[in-house]
Amino acid sequence: EHGTEEPIEAELSYTPSSDTPASGAEGETEESGSEDETEFLKTRIDDLNLSQRTLNALSEANIRTVGGLARKRESDIQEIDGIGDKGIQEIKDLLGGKGIDLKE
């Protein structure tokens, strides 16, 4: 009875590489990125614990996923209307908790 659980878990945690979306990033393979990190990059920013003001500002700038946010430079995010130093810090804390840094 106990043995039947393991294969199911293995299937769930295994993500075939064909699943990766071709978002123009085919040239750069992320050897260091774990599958968890890849999944996190697909997370919609609406699902993060960001303040409503920060979420609205990111939506206005057409940033909808963590991956879209992670591709931005800190200076790019500072230029978005409605995001101040507090919003930048909020974003950095959230991404940093997952081991992702904004580009300098």
PDB file of N, CA and C in Angstrom:
ATOM      1  N   GLU A   1       0.831  -1.203   0.000  1.00  0.00           N
ATOM      2  CA  GLU A   1       0.000   0.000   0.000  1.00  0.00           C
ATOM      3  C   GLU A   1       0.868   1.257   0.000  1.00  0.00           C
ATOM      4  N   HIS A   2       1.931   1.210   0.778  1.00  0.00           N
ATOM      5  CA  HIS A   2       2.782   2.407   0.880  1.00  0.00           C
ATOM      6  C   HIS A   2       3.569   2.654  -0.408  1.00  0.00           C
ATOM      7  N   GLY A   3       3.916   1.575  -1.105  1.00  0.00           N
ATOM      8  CA  GLY A   3       4.750   1.695  -2.299  1.00  0.00           C
ATOM      9  C   GLY A   3       4.069   2.413  -3.452  1.00  0.00           C
ATOM     10  N   THR A   4       2.733   2.469  -3.474  1.00  0.00           N
ATOM     11  CA  THR A   4       2.050   3.075  -4.601  1.00  0.00           C
ATOM     12  C   THR A   4       2.144   4.597  -4.588  1.00  0.00           C
ATOM     13  N   GLU A   5       2.463   5.200  -3.448  1.00  0.00           N
ATOM     14  CA  GLU A   5       2.516   6.663  -3.384  1.00  0.00           C
ATOM     15  C   GLU A   5       3.752   7.229  -4.075  1.00  0.00           C
ATOM     16  N   GLU A   6       4.862   6.523  -3.976  1.00  0.00           N
ATOM     17  CA  GLU A   6       6.122   7.070  -4.466  1.00  0.00           C
ATOM     18  C   GLU A   6       6.148   7.392  -5.960  1.00  0.00           C
ATOM     19  N   PRO A   7       5.711   6.485  -6.838  1.00  0.00           N
ATOM     20  CA  PRO A   7       5.761   6.816  -8.271  1.00  0.00           C
ATOM     21  C   PRO A   7       4.932   8.056  -8.615  1.00  0.00           C
ATOM     22  N   ILE A   8       3.810   8.231  -7.935  1.00  0.00           N
ATOM     23  CA  ILE A   8       2.955   9.382  -8.203  1.00  0.00           C
ATOM     24  C   ILE A   8       3.707  10.669  -7.859  1.00  0.00           C
ATOM     25  N   GLU A   9       4.353  10.689  -6.696  1.00  0.00           N
ATOM     26  CA  GLU A   9       5.131  11.871  -6.300  1.00  0.00           C
ATOM     27  C   GLU A   9       6.235  12.146  -7.312  1.00  0.00           C
ATOM     28  N   ALA A  10       6.901  11.083  -7.750  1.00  0.00           N
ATOM     29  CA  ALA A  10       7.986  11.256  -8.714  1.00  0.00           C
ATOM     30  C   ALA A  10       7.461  11.891 -10.000  1.00  0.00           C
ATOM     31  N   GLU A  11       6.285  11.449 -10.449  1.00  0.00           N
ATOM     32  CA  GLU A  11       5.702  12.013 -11.657  1.00  0.00           C
ATOM     33  C   GLU A  11       5.407  13.496 -11.492  1.00  0.00           C
ATOM     34  N   LEU A  12       4.868  13.855 -10.327  1.00  0.00           N
ATOM     35  CA  LEU A  12       4.499  15.243 -10.096  1.00  0.00           C
ATOM     36  C   LEU A  12       5.712  16.156 -10.082  1.00  0.00           C
ATOM     37  N   SER A  13       6.797  15.686  -9.473  1.00  0.00           N
ATOM     38  CA  SER A  13       7.952  16.568  -9.346  1.00  0.00           C
ATOM     39  C   SER A  13       8.811  16.575 -10.620  1.00  0.00           C
ATOM     40  N   TYR A  14       8.589  15.615 -11.504  1.00  0.00           N
ATOM     41  CA  TYR A  14       9.354  15.568 -12.744  1.00  0.00           C
ATOM     42  C   TYR A  14       8.706  16.468 -13.788  1.00  0.00           C
ATOM     43  N   THR A  15       9.468  17.421 -14.287  1.00  0.00           N
ATOM     44  CA  THR A  15       8.945  18.300 -15.323  1.00  0.00           C
ATOM     45  C   THR A  15       9.764  18.098 -16.591  1.00  0.00           C
ATOM     46  N   PRO A  16       9.185  17.510 -17.616  1.00  0.00           N
ATOM     47  CA  PRO A  16       9.954  17.304 -18.853  1.00  0.00           C
ATOM     48  C   PRO A  16      10.388  18.634 -19.454  1.00  0.00           C
ATOM     49  N   SER A  17      11.551  18.642 -20.058  1.00  0.00           N
ATOM     50  CA  SER A  17      12.091  19.911 -20.562  1.00  0.00           C
ATOM     51  C   SER A  17      11.249  20.453 -21.718  1.00  0.00           C
ATOM     52  N   SER A  18      10.455  19.618 -22.356  1.00  0.00           N
ATOM     53  CA  SER A  18       9.609  20.098 -23.450  1.00  0.00           C
ATOM     54  C   SER A  18       8.517  21.028 -22.943  1.00  0.00           C
ATOM     55  N   ASP A  19       8.321  21.030 -21.619  1.00  0.00           N
ATOM     56  CA  ASP A  19       7.300  21.877 -21.010  1.00  0.00           C
ATOM     57  C   ASP A  19       7.716  23.343 -20.933  1.00  0.00           C
ATOM     58  N   THR A  20       9.010  23.609 -21.053  1.00  0.00           N
ATOM     59  CA  THR A  20       9.463  24.984 -20.893  1.00  0.00           C
ATOM     60  C   THR A  20       8.947  25.849 -22.028  1.00  0.00           C
ATOM     61  N   PRO A  21       8.324  26.974 -21.709  1.00  0.00           N
ATOM     62  CA  PRO A  21       7.778  27.837 -22.755  1.00  0.00           C
ATOM     63  C   PRO A  21       8.899  28.487 -23.559  1.00  0.00           C
ATOM     64  N   ALA A  22       8.718  28.554 -24.877  1.00  0.00           N
ATOM     65  CA  ALA A  22       9.730  29.185 -25.717  1.00  0.00           C
ATOM     66  C   ALA A  22       9.480  30.689 -25.717  1.00  0.00           C
ATOM     67  N   SER A  23      10.038  31.370 -24.747  1.00  0.00           N
ATOM     68  CA  SER A  23       9.809  32.809 -24.630  1.00  0.00           C
ATOM     69  C   SER A  23      11.052  33.571 -25.088  1.00  0.00           C
ATOM     70  N   GLY A  24      11.640  33.100 -26.172  1.00  0.00           N
ATOM     71  CA  GLY A  24      12.808  33.790 -26.712  1.00  0.00           C
ATOM     72  C   GLY A  24      14.054  33.598 -25.879  1.00  0.00           C
ATOM     73  N   ALA A  25      14.014  32.749 -24.865  1.00  0.00           N
ATOM     74  CA  ALA A  25      15.169  32.567 -23.985  1.00  0.00           C
ATOM     75  C   ALA A  25      15.846  31.230 -24.266  1.00  0.00           C
ATOM     76  N   GLU A  26      15.713  30.754 -25.507  1.00  0.00           N
ATOM     77  CA  GLU A  26      16.256  29.447 -25.827  1.00  0.00           C
ATOM     78  C   GLU A  26      17.778  29.449 -25.820  1.00  0.00           C
ATOM     79  N   GLY A  27      18.384  30.575 -26.123  1.00  0.00           N
ATOM     80  CA  GLY A  27      19.840  30.654 -26.176  1.00  0.00           C
ATOM     81  C   GLY A  27      20.486  30.507 -24.821  1.00  0.00           C
ATOM     82  N   GLU A  28      19.810  30.931 -23.773  1.00  0.00           N
ATOM     83  CA  GLU A  28      20.404  30.867 -22.447  1.00  0.00           C
ATOM     84  C   GLU A  28      19.794  29.737 -21.626  1.00  0.00           C
ATOM     85  N   THR A  29      20.606  28.754 -21.328  1.00  0.00           N
ATOM     86  CA  THR A  29      20.122  27.656 -20.503  1.00  0.00           C
ATOM     87  C   THR A  29      20.474  27.967 -19.064  1.00  0.00           C
ATOM     88  N   GLU A  30      19.512  27.820 -18.204  1.00  0.00           N
ATOM     89  CA  GLU A  30      19.731  28.143 -16.804  1.00  0.00           C
ATOM     90  C   GLU A  30      20.131  26.881 -16.060  1.00  0.00           C
ATOM     91  N   GLU A  31      21.431  26.614 -16.047  1.00  0.00           N
ATOM     92  CA  GLU A  31      21.934  25.432 -15.372  1.00  0.00           C
ATOM     93  C   GLU A  31      21.721  25.563 -13.869  1.00  0.00           C
ATOM     94  N   SER A  32      21.935  26.763 -13.330  1.00  0.00           N
ATOM     95  CA  SER A  32      21.874  26.960 -11.882  1.00  0.00           C
ATOM     96  C   SER A  32      20.438  26.954 -11.364  1.00  0.00           C
ATOM     97  N   GLY A  33      19.470  27.305 -12.207  1.00  0.00           N
ATOM     98  CA  GLY A  33      18.085  27.413 -11.762  1.00  0.00           C
ATOM     99  C   GLY A  33      17.470  26.051 -11.510  1.00  0.00           C
ATOM    100  N   SER A  34      16.854  25.881 -10.367  1.00  0.00           N
ATOM    101  CA  SER A  34      16.194  24.622 -10.070  1.00  0.00           C
ATOM    102  C   SER A  34      14.811  24.625 -10.716  1.00  0.00           C
ATOM    103  N   GLU A  35      14.151  23.475 -10.709  1.00  0.00           N
ATOM    104  CA  GLU A  35      12.795  23.411 -11.268  1.00  0.00           C
ATOM    105  C   GLU A  35      11.847  24.281 -10.458  1.00  0.00           C
ATOM    106  N   ASP A  36      12.072  24.324  -9.144  1.00  0.00           N
ATOM    107  CA  ASP A  36      11.230  25.154  -8.288  1.00  0.00           C
ATOM    108  C   ASP A  36      11.320  26.611  -8.714  1.00  0.00           C
ATOM    109  N   GLU A  37      12.535  27.050  -9.004  1.00  0.00           N
ATOM    110  CA  GLU A  37      12.745  28.436  -9.416  1.00  0.00           C
ATOM    111  C   GLU A  37      12.037  28.692 -10.742  1.00  0.00           C
ATOM    112  N   THR A  38      12.130  27.741 -11.677  1.00  0.00           N
ATOM    113  CA  THR A  38      11.468  27.886 -12.970  1.00  0.00           C
ATOM    114  C   THR A  38       9.960  28.001 -12.784  1.00  0.00           C
ATOM    115  N   GLU A  39       9.422  27.166 -11.908  1.00  0.00           N
ATOM    116  CA  GLU A  39       7.989  27.239 -11.633  1.00  0.00           C
ATOM    117  C   GLU A  39       7.627  28.588 -11.022  1.00  0.00           C
ATOM    118  N   PHE A  40       8.482  29.062 -10.111  1.00  0.00           N
ATOM    119  CA  PHE A  40       8.215  30.342  -9.464  1.00  0.00           C
ATOM    120  C   PHE A  40       8.199  31.473 -10.492  1.00  0.00           C
ATOM    121  N   LEU A  41       9.069  31.397 -11.495  1.00  0.00           N
ATOM    122  CA  LEU A  41       9.124  32.436 -12.527  1.00  0.00           C
ATOM    123  C   LEU A  41       7.822  32.495 -13.333  1.00  0.00           C
ATOM    124  N   LYS A  42       7.088  31.390 -13.385  1.00  0.00           N
ATOM    125  CA  LYS A  42       5.814  31.362 -14.109  1.00  0.00           C
ATOM    126  C   LYS A  42       4.662  31.889 -13.253  1.00  0.00           C
ATOM    127  N   THR A  43       4.926  32.111 -11.964  1.00  0.00           N
ATOM    128  CA  THR A  43       3.879  32.562 -11.042  1.00  0.00           C
ATOM    129  C   THR A  43       3.388  33.946 -11.445  1.00  0.00           C
ATOM    130  N   ARG A  44       2.082  34.126 -11.417  1.00  0.00           N
ATOM    131  CA  ARG A  44       1.514  35.440 -11.723  1.00  0.00           C
ATOM    132  C   ARG A  44       1.744  36.360 -10.542  1.00  0.00           C
ATOM    133  N   ILE A  45       2.046  37.619 -10.829  1.00  0.00           N
ATOM    134  CA  ILE A  45       2.329  38.545  -9.728  1.00  0.00           C
ATOM    135  C   ILE A  45       1.109  38.752  -8.842  1.00  0.00           C
ATOM    136  N   ASP A  46      -0.097  38.501  -9.396  1.00  0.00           N
ATOM    137  CA  ASP A  46      -1.321  38.625  -8.587  1.00  0.00           C
ATOM    138  C   ASP A  46      -1.291  37.649  -7.406  1.00  0.00           C
ATOM    139  N   ASP A  47      -0.551  36.537  -7.569  1.00  0.00           N
ATOM    140  CA  ASP A  47      -0.512  35.520  -6.523  1.00  0.00           C
ATOM    141  C   ASP A  47       0.535  35.804  -5.456  1.00  0.00           C
ATOM    142  N   LEU A  48       1.282  36.885  -5.620  1.00  0.00           N
ATOM    143  CA  LEU A  48       2.312  37.217  -4.647  1.00  0.00           C
ATOM    144  C   LEU A  48       1.732  38.135  -3.583  1.00  0.00           C
ATOM    145  N   ASN A  49       2.408  38.202  -2.466  1.00  0.00           N
ATOM    146  CA  ASN A  49       1.926  39.065  -1.392  1.00  0.00           C
ATOM    147  C   ASN A  49       2.475  40.485  -1.542  1.00  0.00           C
ATOM    148  N   LEU A  50       2.198  41.082  -2.676  1.00  0.00           N
ATOM    149  CA  LEU A  50       2.626  42.467  -2.898  1.00  0.00           C
ATOM    150  C   LEU A  50       1.466  43.394  -2.544  1.00  0.00           C
ATOM    151  N   SER A  51       1.808  44.622  -2.207  1.00  0.00           N
ATOM    152  CA  SER A  51       0.743  45.576  -1.896  1.00  0.00           C
ATOM    153  C   SER A  51      -0.054  45.863  -3.162  1.00  0.00           C
ATOM    154  N   GLN A  52      -1.308  46.274  -2.990  1.00  0.00           N
ATOM    155  CA  GLN A  52      -2.190  46.536  -4.123  1.00  0.00           C
ATOM    156  C   GLN A  52      -1.590  47.609  -5.029  1.00  0.00           C
ATOM    157  N   ARG A  53      -0.988  48.619  -4.434  1.00  0.00           N
ATOM    158  CA  ARG A  53      -0.399  49.707  -5.214  1.00  0.00           C
ATOM    159  C   ARG A  53       0.712  49.192  -6.136  1.00  0.00           C
ATOM    160  N   THR A  54       1.574  48.324  -5.579  1.00  0.00           N
ATOM    161  CA  THR A  54       2.663  47.754  -6.377  1.00  0.00           C
ATOM    162  C   THR A  54       2.106  46.862  -7.481  1.00  0.00           C
ATOM    163  N   LEU A  55       1.118  46.040  -7.145  1.00  0.00           N
ATOM    164  CA  LEU A  55       0.494  45.168  -8.154  1.00  0.00           C
ATOM    165  C   LEU A  55      -0.105  45.985  -9.295  1.00  0.00           C
ATOM    166  N   ASN A  56      -0.825  47.043  -8.943  1.00  0.00           N
ATOM    167  CA  ASN A  56      -1.448  47.885  -9.972  1.00  0.00           C
ATOM    168  C   ASN A  56      -0.387  48.505 -10.877  1.00  0.00           C
ATOM    169  N   ALA A  57       0.685  48.994 -10.275  1.00  0.00           N
ATOM    170  CA  ALA A  57       1.743  49.633 -11.061  1.00  0.00           C
ATOM    171  C   ALA A  57       2.401  48.627 -12.008  1.00  0.00           C
ATOM    172  N   LEU A  58       2.661  47.416 -11.516  1.00  0.00           N
ATOM    173  CA  LEU A  58       3.276  46.389 -12.362  1.00  0.00           C
ATOM    174  C   LEU A  58       2.331  45.983 -13.492  1.00  0.00           C
ATOM    175  N   SER A  59       1.046  45.874 -13.195  1.00  0.00           N
ATOM    176  CA  SER A  59       0.070  45.528 -14.234  1.00  0.00           C
ATOM    177  C   SER A  59       0.032  46.589 -15.320  1.00  0.00           C
ATOM    178  N   GLU A  60       0.051  47.852 -14.902  1.00  0.00           N
ATOM    179  CA  GLU A  60       0.071  48.963 -15.862  1.00  0.00           C
ATOM    180  C   GLU A  60       1.277  48.866 -16.783  1.00  0.00           C
ATOM    181  N   ALA A  61       2.399  48.370 -16.237  1.00  0.00           N
ATOM    182  CA  ALA A  61       3.637  48.253 -17.018  1.00  0.00           C
ATOM    183  C   ALA A  61       3.692  46.922 -17.774  1.00  0.00           C
ATOM    184  N   ASN A  62       2.558  46.203 -17.813  1.00  0.00           N
ATOM    185  CA  ASN A  62       2.470  44.909 -18.505  1.00  0.00           C
ATOM    186  C   ASN A  62       3.410  43.858 -17.940  1.00  0.00           C
ATOM    187  N   ILE A  63       3.681  43.929 -16.655  1.00  0.00           N
ATOM    188  CA  ILE A  63       4.466  42.889 -16.002  1.00  0.00           C
ATOM    189  C   ILE A  63       3.466  42.016 -15.261  1.00  0.00           C
ATOM    190  N   ARG A  64       3.337  40.764 -15.718  1.00  0.00           N
ATOM    191  CA  ARG A  64       2.285  39.904 -15.188  1.00  0.00           C
ATOM    192  C   ARG A  64       2.813  38.682 -14.436  1.00  0.00           C
ATOM    193  N   THR A  65       4.086  38.316 -14.674  1.00  0.00           N
ATOM    194  CA  THR A  65       4.641  37.126 -14.017  1.00  0.00           C
ATOM    195  C   THR A  65       5.938  37.475 -13.299  1.00  0.00           C
ATOM    196  N   VAL A  66       6.344  36.581 -12.417  1.00  0.00           N
ATOM    197  CA  VAL A  66       7.609  36.766 -11.698  1.00  0.00           C
ATOM    198  C   VAL A  66       8.769  36.803 -12.695  1.00  0.00           C
ATOM    199  N   GLY A  67       8.682  35.968 -13.731  1.00  0.00           N
ATOM    200  CA  GLY A  67       9.736  35.947 -14.753  1.00  0.00           C
ATOM    201  C   GLY A  67       9.880  37.292 -15.441  1.00  0.00           C
ATOM    202  N   GLY A  68       8.737  37.912 -15.753  1.00  0.00           N
ATOM    203  CA  GLY A  68       8.759  39.234 -16.386  1.00  0.00           C
ATOM    204  C   GLY A  68       9.393  40.264 -15.472  1.00  0.00           C
ATOM    205  N   LEU A  69       9.128  40.113 -14.194  1.00  0.00           N
ATOM    206  CA  LEU A  69       9.675  41.032 -13.203  1.00  0.00           C
ATOM    207  C   LEU A  69      11.176  40.807 -13.038  1.00  0.00           C
ATOM    208  N   ALA A  70      11.579  39.537 -13.015  1.00  0.00           N
ATOM    209  CA  ALA A  70      12.989  39.189 -12.800  1.00  0.00           C
ATOM    210  C   ALA A  70      13.866  39.637 -13.970  1.00  0.00           C
ATOM    211  N   ARG A  71      13.264  39.805 -15.156  1.00  0.00           N
ATOM    212  CA  ARG A  71      14.056  40.239 -16.320  1.00  0.00           C
ATOM    213  C   ARG A  71      14.329  41.738 -16.301  1.00  0.00           C
ATOM    214  N   LYS A  72      13.610  42.458 -15.457  1.00  0.00           N
ATOM    215  CA  LYS A  72      13.769  43.911 -15.402  1.00  0.00           C
ATOM    216  C   LYS A  72      14.979  44.307 -14.560  1.00  0.00           C
ATOM    217  N   ARG A  73      15.541  45.457 -14.893  1.00  0.00           N
ATOM    218  CA  ARG A  73      16.576  46.031 -14.038  1.00  0.00           C
ATOM    219  C   ARG A  73      15.896  46.822 -12.943  1.00  0.00           C
ATOM    220  N   GLU A  74      16.598  47.007 -11.847  1.00  0.00           N
ATOM    221  CA  GLU A  74      16.045  47.796 -10.752  1.00  0.00           C
ATOM    222  C   GLU A  74      15.696  49.196 -11.251  1.00  0.00           C
ATOM    223  N   SER A  75      16.551  49.752 -12.107  1.00  0.00           N
ATOM    224  CA  SER A  75      16.298  51.104 -12.621  1.00  0.00           C
ATOM    225  C   SER A  75      15.036  51.149 -13.486  1.00  0.00           C
ATOM    226  N   ASP A  76      14.755  50.054 -14.216  1.00  0.00           N
ATOM    227  CA  ASP A  76      13.532  49.988 -15.034  1.00  0.00           C
ATOM    228  C   ASP A  76      12.302  50.034 -14.136  1.00  0.00           C
ATOM    229  N   ILE A  77      12.369  49.297 -13.049  1.00  0.00           N
ATOM    230  CA  ILE A  77      11.219  49.225 -12.137  1.00  0.00           C
ATOM    231  C   ILE A  77      11.016  50.573 -11.442  1.00  0.00           C
ATOM    232  N   GLN A  78      12.114  51.254 -11.132  1.00  0.00           N
ATOM    233  CA  GLN A  78      12.003  52.570 -10.491  1.00  0.00           C
ATOM    234  C   GLN A  78      11.286  53.564 -11.394  1.00  0.00           C
ATOM    235  N   GLU A  79      11.374  53.351 -12.697  1.00  0.00           N
ATOM    236  CA  GLU A  79      10.745  54.280 -13.646  1.00  0.00           C
ATOM    237  C   GLU A  79       9.240  54.044 -13.789  1.00  0.00           C
ATOM    238  N   ILE A  80       8.751  52.929 -13.282  1.00  0.00           N
ATOM    239  CA  ILE A  80       7.321  52.634 -13.383  1.00  0.00           C
ATOM    240  C   ILE A  80       6.559  53.565 -12.443  1.00  0.00           C
ATOM    241  N   ASP A  81       5.540  54.229 -12.992  1.00  0.00           N
ATOM    242  CA  ASP A  81       4.719  55.116 -12.163  1.00  0.00           C
ATOM    243  C   ASP A  81       4.071  54.336 -11.037  1.00  0.00           C
ATOM    244  N   GLY A  82       4.145  54.875  -9.843  1.00  0.00           N
ATOM    245  CA  GLY A  82       3.469  54.252  -8.710  1.00  0.00           C
ATOM    246  C   GLY A  82       4.354  53.330  -7.893  1.00  0.00           C
ATOM    247  N   ILE A  83       5.576  53.081  -8.363  1.00  0.00           N
ATOM    248  CA  ILE A  83       6.481  52.244  -7.573  1.00  0.00           C
ATOM    249  C   ILE A  83       7.608  53.115  -7.051  1.00  0.00           C
ATOM    250  N   GLY A  84       7.648  53.241  -5.756  1.00  0.00           N
ATOM    251  CA  GLY A  84       8.715  54.014  -5.125  1.00  0.00           C
ATOM    252  C   GLY A  84       9.720  53.084  -4.485  1.00  0.00           C
ATOM    253  N   ASP A  85      10.545  53.654  -3.608  1.00  0.00           N
ATOM    254  CA  ASP A  85      11.566  52.851  -2.935  1.00  0.00           C
ATOM    255  C   ASP A  85      10.942  51.709  -2.136  1.00  0.00           C
ATOM    256  N   LYS A  86       9.782  51.983  -1.548  1.00  0.00           N
ATOM    257  CA  LYS A  86       9.107  50.961  -0.744  1.00  0.00           C
ATOM    258  C   LYS A  86       8.694  49.785  -1.630  1.00  0.00           C
ATOM    259  N   GLY A  87       8.166  50.091  -2.808  1.00  0.00           N
ATOM    260  CA  GLY A  87       7.762  49.040  -3.748  1.00  0.00           C
ATOM    261  C   GLY A  87       8.950  48.237  -4.238  1.00  0.00           C
ATOM    262  N   ILE A  88      10.058  48.926  -4.524  1.00  0.00           N
ATOM    263  CA  ILE A  88      11.283  48.248  -4.964  1.00  0.00           C
ATOM    264  C   ILE A  88      11.742  47.283  -3.873  1.00  0.00           C
ATOM    265  N   GLN A  89      11.751  47.766  -2.639  1.00  0.00           N
ATOM    266  CA  GLN A  89      12.196  46.935  -1.516  1.00  0.00           C
ATOM    267  C   GLN A  89      11.276  45.722  -1.356  1.00  0.00           C
ATOM    268  N   GLU A  90       9.994  45.957  -1.518  1.00  0.00           N
ATOM    269  CA  GLU A  90       8.997  44.886  -1.425  1.00  0.00           C
ATOM    270  C   GLU A  90       9.293  43.795  -2.465  1.00  0.00           C
ATOM    271  N   ILE A  91       9.566  44.228  -3.688  1.00  0.00           N
ATOM    272  CA  ILE A  91       9.847  43.298  -4.787  1.00  0.00           C
ATOM    273  C   ILE A  91      11.160  42.553  -4.523  1.00  0.00           C
ATOM    274  N   LYS A  92      12.191  43.293  -4.109  1.00  0.00           N
ATOM    275  CA  LYS A  92      13.494  42.674  -3.859  1.00  0.00           C
ATOM    276  C   LYS A  92      13.414  41.648  -2.735  1.00  0.00           C
ATOM    277  N   ASP A  93      12.668  41.974  -1.690  1.00  0.00           N
ATOM    278  CA  ASP A  93      12.518  41.042  -0.566  1.00  0.00           C
ATOM    279  C   ASP A  93      11.832  39.752  -1.028  1.00  0.00           C
ATOM    280  N   LEU A  94      10.775  39.933  -1.808  1.00  0.00           N
ATOM    281  CA  LEU A  94      10.000  38.797  -2.276  1.00  0.00           C
ATOM    282  C   LEU A  94      10.837  37.897  -3.191  1.00  0.00           C
ATOM    283  N   LEU A  95      11.509  38.494  -4.177  1.00  0.00           N
ATOM    284  CA  LEU A  95      12.332  37.714  -5.107  1.00  0.00           C
ATOM    285  C   LEU A  95      13.541  37.134  -4.395  1.00  0.00           C
ATOM    286  N   GLY A  96      14.138  37.935  -3.522  1.00  0.00           N
ATOM    287  CA  GLY A  96      15.316  37.487  -2.784  1.00  0.00           C
ATOM    288  C   GLY A  96      15.023  36.259  -1.940  1.00  0.00           C
ATOM    289  N   GLY A  97      13.802  36.195  -1.409  1.00  0.00           N
ATOM    290  CA  GLY A  97      13.400  35.038  -0.619  1.00  0.00           C
ATOM    291  C   GLY A  97      13.409  33.757  -1.433  1.00  0.00           C
ATOM    292  N   LYS A  98      13.308  33.891  -2.759  1.00  0.00           N
ATOM    293  CA  LYS A  98      13.337  32.729  -3.661  1.00  0.00           C
ATOM    294  C   LYS A  98      14.686  32.610  -4.360  1.00  0.00           C
ATOM    295  N   GLY A  99      15.639  33.429  -3.948  1.00  0.00           N
ATOM    296  CA  GLY A  99      16.978  33.344  -4.536  1.00  0.00           C
ATOM    297  C   GLY A  99      17.094  34.024  -5.883  1.00  0.00           C
ATOM    298  N   ILE A 100      16.197  34.962  -6.176  1.00  0.00           N
ATOM    299  CA  ILE A 100      16.229  35.667  -7.460  1.00  0.00           C
ATOM    300  C   ILE A 100      16.568  37.133  -7.203  1.00  0.00           C
ATOM    301  N   ASP A 101      17.521  37.660  -7.959  1.00  0.00           N
ATOM    302  CA  ASP A 101      17.884  39.075  -7.811  1.00  0.00           C
ATOM    303  C   ASP A 101      17.479  39.852  -9.047  1.00  0.00           C
ATOM    304  N   LEU A 102      17.145  41.098  -8.855  1.00  0.00           N
ATOM    305  CA  LEU A 102      16.894  41.969 -10.008  1.00  0.00           C
ATOM    306  C   LEU A 102      18.221  42.235 -10.696  1.00  0.00           C
ATOM    307  N   LYS A 103      18.173  42.473 -12.002  1.00  0.00           N
ATOM    308  CA  LYS A 103      19.401  42.826 -12.717  1.00  0.00           C
ATOM    309  C   LYS A 103      19.856  44.210 -12.255  1.00  0.00           C
ATOM    310  N   GLU A 104      21.167  44.391 -12.214  1.00  0.00           N
ATOM    311  CA  GLU A 104      21.689  45.698 -11.779  1.00  0.00           C
ATOM    312  C   GLU A 104      21.570  46.695 -12.914  1.00  0.00           C
TER     313      GLU A 104
END
